[in-house]
């Protein structure tokens, strides 16, 4: 009598192999899911950090603009800046603390006559007679300095995010203020 190749005894041996292969695939699928979750968590943290960074930059810029809108050249002490609520929610979780040191004058540079616009009323007092001069001589008096100078100022602000004591962003902005010739920093 011939042996049947599909004997129940050989089927039992295959049942163990099928179980083993199913377990291997289950472990591989679990590893893939775990790595996908970890990648998602990392991406979420990166996006959250970028959001805090951009909000800190915006709070620092808002504080700089508040200082620029005042007569900051006459300050004798650092300006006092109130906490900045970046999204106007009124909640402490969106309120940034900003410190602004006293603005510093970096240089004074004379304004050339060629840089002025005779039609602009703000530029007219920088000419010697209060109006653009036409001497009739080609090239005469057009390359010299005017009666005005620009004082260049550096204004910086450091914003600290709420509930994250280690996160702070410093922003610098340069500002030119028109002054009379001979003015010092």
C-alpha atoms as a PDB file:
ATOM      1  CA  UNK A   1       0.000   0.000   0.000  1.00  0.00           C
ATOM      2  CA  UNK A   2       1.246   3.444  -0.873  1.00  0.00           C
ATOM      3  CA  UNK A   3       1.586   6.162   1.693  1.00  0.00           C
ATOM      4  CA  UNK A   4      -0.671   9.120   1.291  1.00  0.00           C
ATOM      5  CA  UNK A   5       1.432  12.341   1.025  1.00  0.00           C
ATOM      6  CA  UNK A   6      -1.401  14.263   2.681  1.00  0.00           C
ATOM      7  CA  UNK A   7      -1.342  12.192   5.781  1.00  0.00           C
ATOM      8  CA  UNK A   8      -2.626  13.910   8.942  1.00  0.00           C
ATOM      9  CA  UNK A   9       0.756  13.476  10.560  1.00  0.00           C
ATOM     10  CA  UNK A  10       2.501  15.781   8.017  1.00  0.00           C
ATOM     11  CA  UNK A  11      -0.327  18.326   8.391  1.00  0.00           C
ATOM     12  CA  UNK A  12       0.363  18.647  12.077  1.00  0.00           C
ATOM     13  CA  UNK A  13       4.001  19.535  11.335  1.00  0.00           C
ATOM     14  CA  UNK A  14       2.849  22.247   8.937  1.00  0.00           C
ATOM     15  CA  UNK A  15       0.537  23.795  11.523  1.00  0.00           C
ATOM     16  CA  UNK A  16       3.536  24.642  13.715  1.00  0.00           C
ATOM     17  CA  UNK A  17       5.403  26.224  10.784  1.00  0.00           C
ATOM     18  CA  UNK A  18       2.383  28.338   9.850  1.00  0.00           C
ATOM     19  CA  UNK A  19       2.093  29.564  13.417  1.00  0.00           C
ATOM     20  CA  UNK A  20       5.788  30.461  13.484  1.00  0.00           C
ATOM     21  CA  UNK A  21       5.592  32.409  10.190  1.00  0.00           C
ATOM     22  CA  UNK A  22       2.454  34.235  11.381  1.00  0.00           C
ATOM     23  CA  UNK A  23       4.251  35.241  14.603  1.00  0.00           C
ATOM     24  CA  UNK A  24       7.262  36.558  12.627  1.00  0.00           C
ATOM     25  CA  UNK A  25       5.014  38.679  10.409  1.00  0.00           C
ATOM     26  CA  UNK A  26       3.127  39.939  13.458  1.00  0.00           C
ATOM     27  CA  UNK A  27       6.405  41.036  15.099  1.00  0.00           C
ATOM     28  CA  UNK A  28       7.528  42.776  11.878  1.00  0.00           C
ATOM     29  CA  UNK A  29       4.208  44.577  11.568  1.00  0.00           C
ATOM     30  CA  UNK A  30       4.439  45.678  15.213  1.00  0.00           C
ATOM     31  CA  UNK A  31       7.956  47.066  14.648  1.00  0.00           C
ATOM     32  CA  UNK A  32       6.764  49.031  11.615  1.00  0.00           C
ATOM     33  CA  UNK A  33       3.864  50.537  13.590  1.00  0.00           C
ATOM     34  CA  UNK A  34       6.144  51.477  16.503  1.00  0.00           C
ATOM     35  CA  UNK A  35       8.651  53.203  14.197  1.00  0.00           C
ATOM     36  CA  UNK A  36       5.833  55.117  12.464  1.00  0.00           C
ATOM     37  CA  UNK A  37       4.532  56.346  15.831  1.00  0.00           C
ATOM     38  CA  UNK A  38       8.019  57.436  16.903  1.00  0.00           C
ATOM     39  CA  UNK A  39       8.539  59.319  13.618  1.00  0.00           C
ATOM     40  CA  UNK A  40       5.203  61.079  14.079  1.00  0.00           C
ATOM     41  CA  UNK A  41       6.097  62.087  17.640  1.00  0.00           C
ATOM     42  CA  UNK A  42       9.449  63.503  16.512  1.00  0.00           C
ATOM     43  CA  UNK A  43       7.791  65.491  13.727  1.00  0.00           C
ATOM     44  CA  UNK A  44       5.198  66.851  16.156  1.00  0.00           C
ATOM     45  CA  UNK A  45       7.944  68.014  18.530  1.00  0.00           C
ATOM     46  CA  UNK A  46       9.844  69.685  15.673  1.00  0.00           C
ATOM     47  CA  UNK A  47       6.726  71.556  14.556  1.00  0.00           C
ATOM     48  CA  UNK A  48       5.990  72.609  18.141  1.00  0.00           C
ATOM     49  CA  UNK A  49       9.547  73.918  18.562  1.00  0.00           C
ATOM     50  CA  UNK A  50       9.299  75.850  15.295  1.00  0.00           C
ATOM     51  CA  UNK A  51       6.009  77.392  16.432  1.00  0.00           C
ATOM     52  CA  UNK A  52       7.522  78.535  19.737  1.00  0.00           C
ATOM     53  CA  UNK A  53      10.551  79.932  17.880  1.00  0.00           C
ATOM     54  CA  UNK A  54       8.411  81.932  15.444  1.00  0.00           C
ATOM     55  CA  UNK A  55       6.120  83.203  18.206  1.00  0.00           C
ATOM     56  CA  UNK A  56       9.180  84.313  20.211  1.00  0.00           C
ATOM     57  CA  UNK A  57      10.549  86.140  17.173  1.00  0.00           C
ATOM     58  CA  UNK A  58       7.178  87.836  16.638  1.00  0.00           C
ATOM     59  CA  UNK A  59       6.991  88.904  20.300  1.00  0.00           C
ATOM     60  CA  UNK A  60      10.539  90.314  20.157  1.00  0.00           C
ATOM     61  CA  UNK A  61       9.751  92.172  16.919  1.00  0.00           C
ATOM     62  CA  UNK A  62       6.554  93.584  18.429  1.00  0.00           C
ATOM     63  CA  UNK A  63       8.549  94.901  21.408  1.00  0.00           C
ATOM     64  CA  UNK A  64      11.142  96.474  19.080  1.00  0.00           C
ATOM     65  CA  UNK A  65       8.373  98.207  17.128  1.00  0.00           C
ATOM     66  CA  UNK A  66       6.907  99.524  20.394  1.00  0.00           C
ATOM     67  CA  UNK A  67      10.305 101.015  21.310  1.00  0.00           C
ATOM     68  CA  UNK A  68      10.829 102.485  17.825  1.00  0.00           C
ATOM     69  CA  UNK A  69       7.448 104.226  18.023  1.00  0.00           C
ATOM     70  CA  UNK A  70       8.732 106.253  21.008  1.00  0.00           C
ATOM     71  CA  UNK A  71      11.578 108.773  21.193  1.00  0.00           C
ATOM     72  CA  UNK A  72      14.075 106.045  22.038  1.00  0.00           C
ATOM     73  CA  UNK A  73      17.090 108.283  21.357  1.00  0.00           C
ATOM     74  CA  UNK A  74      16.431 110.171  24.606  1.00  0.00           C
ATOM     75  CA  UNK A  75      16.126 107.106  26.861  1.00  0.00           C
ATOM     76  CA  UNK A  76      18.415 107.070  29.885  1.00  0.00           C
ATOM     77  CA  UNK A  77      17.388 103.577  31.050  1.00  0.00           C
ATOM     78  CA  UNK A  78      16.191 100.430  29.287  1.00  0.00           C
ATOM     79  CA  UNK A  79      12.573 100.751  28.156  1.00  0.00           C
ATOM     80  CA  UNK A  80       9.930  98.879  30.121  1.00  0.00           C
ATOM     81  CA  UNK A  81       7.981  96.560  27.843  1.00  0.00           C
ATOM     82  CA  UNK A  82       4.786  94.921  29.143  1.00  0.00           C
ATOM     83  CA  UNK A  83       4.337  91.165  28.572  1.00  0.00           C
ATOM     84  CA  UNK A  84       3.202  90.451  25.029  1.00  0.00           C
ATOM     85  CA  UNK A  85       0.168  88.232  24.401  1.00  0.00           C
ATOM     86  CA  UNK A  86       1.124  86.876  20.996  1.00  0.00           C
ATOM     87  CA  UNK A  87      -2.376  85.792  19.943  1.00  0.00           C
ATOM     88  CA  UNK A  88      -4.507  88.193  22.046  1.00  0.00           C
ATOM     89  CA  UNK A  89      -6.157  85.334  23.919  1.00  0.00           C
ATOM     90  CA  UNK A  90      -5.633  86.768  27.392  1.00  0.00           C
ATOM     91  CA  UNK A  91      -4.226  83.461  28.610  1.00  0.00           C
ATOM     92  CA  UNK A  92      -0.900  83.139  30.402  1.00  0.00           C
ATOM     93  CA  UNK A  93       0.140  80.296  28.080  1.00  0.00           C
ATOM     94  CA  UNK A  94       0.474  82.716  25.164  1.00  0.00           C
ATOM     95  CA  UNK A  95       2.053  85.659  27.006  1.00  0.00           C
ATOM     96  CA  UNK A  96       5.759  86.192  26.295  1.00  0.00           C
ATOM     97  CA  UNK A  97       8.128  88.092  28.565  1.00  0.00           C
ATOM     98  CA  UNK A  98      10.275  90.499  26.546  1.00  0.00           C
ATOM     99  CA  UNK A  99      13.301  92.449  27.728  1.00  0.00           C
ATOM    100  CA  UNK A 100      14.697  95.315  25.684  1.00  0.00           C
ATOM    101  CA  UNK A 101      18.074  96.777  26.653  1.00  0.00           C
ATOM    102  CA  UNK A 102      18.735 100.473  26.130  1.00  0.00           C
ATOM    103  CA  UNK A 103      19.136 101.145  22.379  1.00  0.00           C
ATOM    104  CA  UNK A 104      22.722 101.856  21.351  1.00  0.00           C
ATOM    105  CA  UNK A 105      23.907 104.385  18.799  1.00  0.00           C
ATOM    106  CA  UNK A 106      26.458 102.690  16.562  1.00  0.00           C
ATOM    107  CA  UNK A 107      27.478 105.530  14.230  1.00  0.00           C
ATOM    108  CA  UNK A 108      26.581 108.875  12.677  1.00  0.00           C
ATOM    109  CA  UNK A 109      26.874 109.168   8.898  1.00  0.00           C
ATOM    110  CA  UNK A 110      26.409 112.382   6.896  1.00  0.00           C
ATOM    111  CA  UNK A 111      23.735 112.337   4.213  1.00  0.00           C
ATOM    112  CA  UNK A 112      24.986 113.257   0.745  1.00  0.00           C
ATOM    113  CA  UNK A 113      23.083 115.912  -1.187  1.00  0.00           C
ATOM    114  CA  UNK A 114      22.596 113.395  -3.989  1.00  0.00           C
ATOM    115  CA  UNK A 115      20.695 111.123  -1.564  1.00  0.00           C
ATOM    116  CA  UNK A 116      18.058 113.803  -0.885  1.00  0.00           C
ATOM    117  CA  UNK A 117      14.812 114.320  -2.797  1.00  0.00           C
ATOM    118  CA  UNK A 118      14.114 118.037  -3.432  1.00  0.00           C
ATOM    119  CA  UNK A 119      10.373 117.324  -3.759  1.00  0.00           C
ATOM    120  CA  UNK A 120      10.224 115.721  -0.303  1.00  0.00           C
ATOM    121  CA  UNK A 121       9.462 118.338   2.362  1.00  0.00           C
ATOM    122  CA  UNK A 122      11.341 116.325   5.008  1.00  0.00           C
ATOM    123  CA  UNK A 123      14.515 116.576   2.894  1.00  0.00           C
ATOM    124  CA  UNK A 124      14.270 120.296   2.085  1.00  0.00           C
ATOM    125  CA  UNK A 125      15.648 121.559   5.409  1.00  0.00           C
ATOM    126  CA  UNK A 126      18.811 119.498   4.786  1.00  0.00           C
ATOM    127  CA  UNK A 127      19.796 121.801   1.908  1.00  0.00           C
ATOM    128  CA  UNK A 128      21.816 124.915   2.765  1.00  0.00           C
ATOM    129  CA  UNK A 129      19.069 127.370   1.768  1.00  0.00           C
ATOM    130  CA  UNK A 130      16.104 125.127   2.490  1.00  0.00           C
ATOM    131  CA  UNK A 131      15.580 124.329  -1.194  1.00  0.00           C
ATOM    132  CA  UNK A 132      17.477 122.486  -3.858  1.00  0.00           C
ATOM    133  CA  UNK A 133      20.271 124.653  -5.177  1.00  0.00           C
ATOM    134  CA  UNK A 134      20.922 125.149  -8.849  1.00  0.00           C
ATOM    135  CA  UNK A 135      24.138 127.107  -9.295  1.00  0.00           C
ATOM    136  CA  UNK A 136      24.124 126.799 -13.068  1.00  0.00           C
ATOM    137  CA  UNK A 137      27.525 125.110 -13.005  1.00  0.00           C
ATOM    138  CA  UNK A 138      27.410 121.497 -14.108  1.00  0.00           C
ATOM    139  CA  UNK A 139      28.552 119.174 -11.316  1.00  0.00           C
ATOM    140  CA  UNK A 140      28.884 121.942  -8.732  1.00  0.00           C
ATOM    141  CA  UNK A 141      27.779 121.156  -5.190  1.00  0.00           C
ATOM    142  CA  UNK A 142      26.023 117.886  -5.963  1.00  0.00           C
ATOM    143  CA  UNK A 143      28.489 115.490  -4.378  1.00  0.00           C
ATOM    144  CA  UNK A 144      28.992 117.069  -0.965  1.00  0.00           C
ATOM    145  CA  UNK A 145      27.328 116.482   2.348  1.00  0.00           C
ATOM    146  CA  UNK A 146      23.996 118.008   3.280  1.00  0.00           C
ATOM    147  CA  UNK A 147      23.115 119.680   6.577  1.00  0.00           C
ATOM    148  CA  UNK A 148      21.702 116.385   7.905  1.00  0.00           C
ATOM    149  CA  UNK A 149      23.142 113.105   9.129  1.00  0.00           C
ATOM    150  CA  UNK A 150      21.749 109.696   9.995  1.00  0.00           C
ATOM    151  CA  UNK A 151      22.440 108.326  13.453  1.00  0.00           C
ATOM    152  CA  UNK A 152      22.367 104.536  13.238  1.00  0.00           C
ATOM    153  CA  UNK A 153      20.889 102.682  16.207  1.00  0.00           C
ATOM    154  CA  UNK A 154      20.833  99.019  17.198  1.00  0.00           C
ATOM    155  CA  UNK A 155      17.705  97.925  19.040  1.00  0.00           C
ATOM    156  CA  UNK A 156      17.513  94.380  20.363  1.00  0.00           C
ATOM    157  CA  UNK A 157      14.845  92.429  22.220  1.00  0.00           C
ATOM    158  CA  UNK A 158      14.919  89.046  23.930  1.00  0.00           C
ATOM    159  CA  UNK A 159      11.617  87.175  24.191  1.00  0.00           C
ATOM    160  CA  UNK A 160      11.143  84.263  26.591  1.00  0.00           C
ATOM    161  CA  UNK A 161       8.359  81.792  25.920  1.00  0.00           C
ATOM    162  CA  UNK A 162       5.816  81.112  28.675  1.00  0.00           C
ATOM    163  CA  UNK A 163       6.275  77.904  30.693  1.00  0.00           C
ATOM    164  CA  UNK A 164       9.492  77.150  28.818  1.00  0.00           C
ATOM    165  CA  UNK A 165      12.219  78.896  30.779  1.00  0.00           C
ATOM    166  CA  UNK A 166      15.058  77.821  28.500  1.00  0.00           C
ATOM    167  CA  UNK A 167      13.558  79.069  25.250  1.00  0.00           C
ATOM    168  CA  UNK A 168      14.454  82.638  24.398  1.00  0.00           C
ATOM    169  CA  UNK A 169      14.931  84.451  21.124  1.00  0.00           C
ATOM    170  CA  UNK A 170      16.958  87.601  20.557  1.00  0.00           C
ATOM    171  CA  UNK A 171      16.104  89.849  17.620  1.00  0.00           C
ATOM    172  CA  UNK A 172      18.130  92.855  16.430  1.00  0.00           C
ATOM    173  CA  UNK A 173      16.959  95.707  14.229  1.00  0.00           C
ATOM    174  CA  UNK A 174      18.869  98.675  12.917  1.00  0.00           C
ATOM    175  CA  UNK A 175      17.219 102.079  12.753  1.00  0.00           C
ATOM    176  CA  UNK A 176      18.461 105.333  11.218  1.00  0.00           C
ATOM    177  CA  UNK A 177      17.310 108.587  12.797  1.00  0.00           C
ATOM    178  CA  UNK A 178      17.880 111.893  11.005  1.00  0.00           C
ATOM    179  CA  UNK A 179      19.902 114.416  13.028  1.00  0.00           C
ATOM    180  CA  UNK A 180      21.677 117.682  12.277  1.00  0.00           C
ATOM    181  CA  UNK A 181      25.288 117.676  11.133  1.00  0.00           C
ATOM    182  CA  UNK A 182      27.719 117.481  14.003  1.00  0.00           C
ATOM    183  CA  UNK A 183      25.459 115.470  16.284  1.00  0.00           C
ATOM    184  CA  UNK A 184      27.173 112.698  18.210  1.00  0.00           C
ATOM    185  CA  UNK A 185      25.924 109.309  19.312  1.00  0.00           C
END
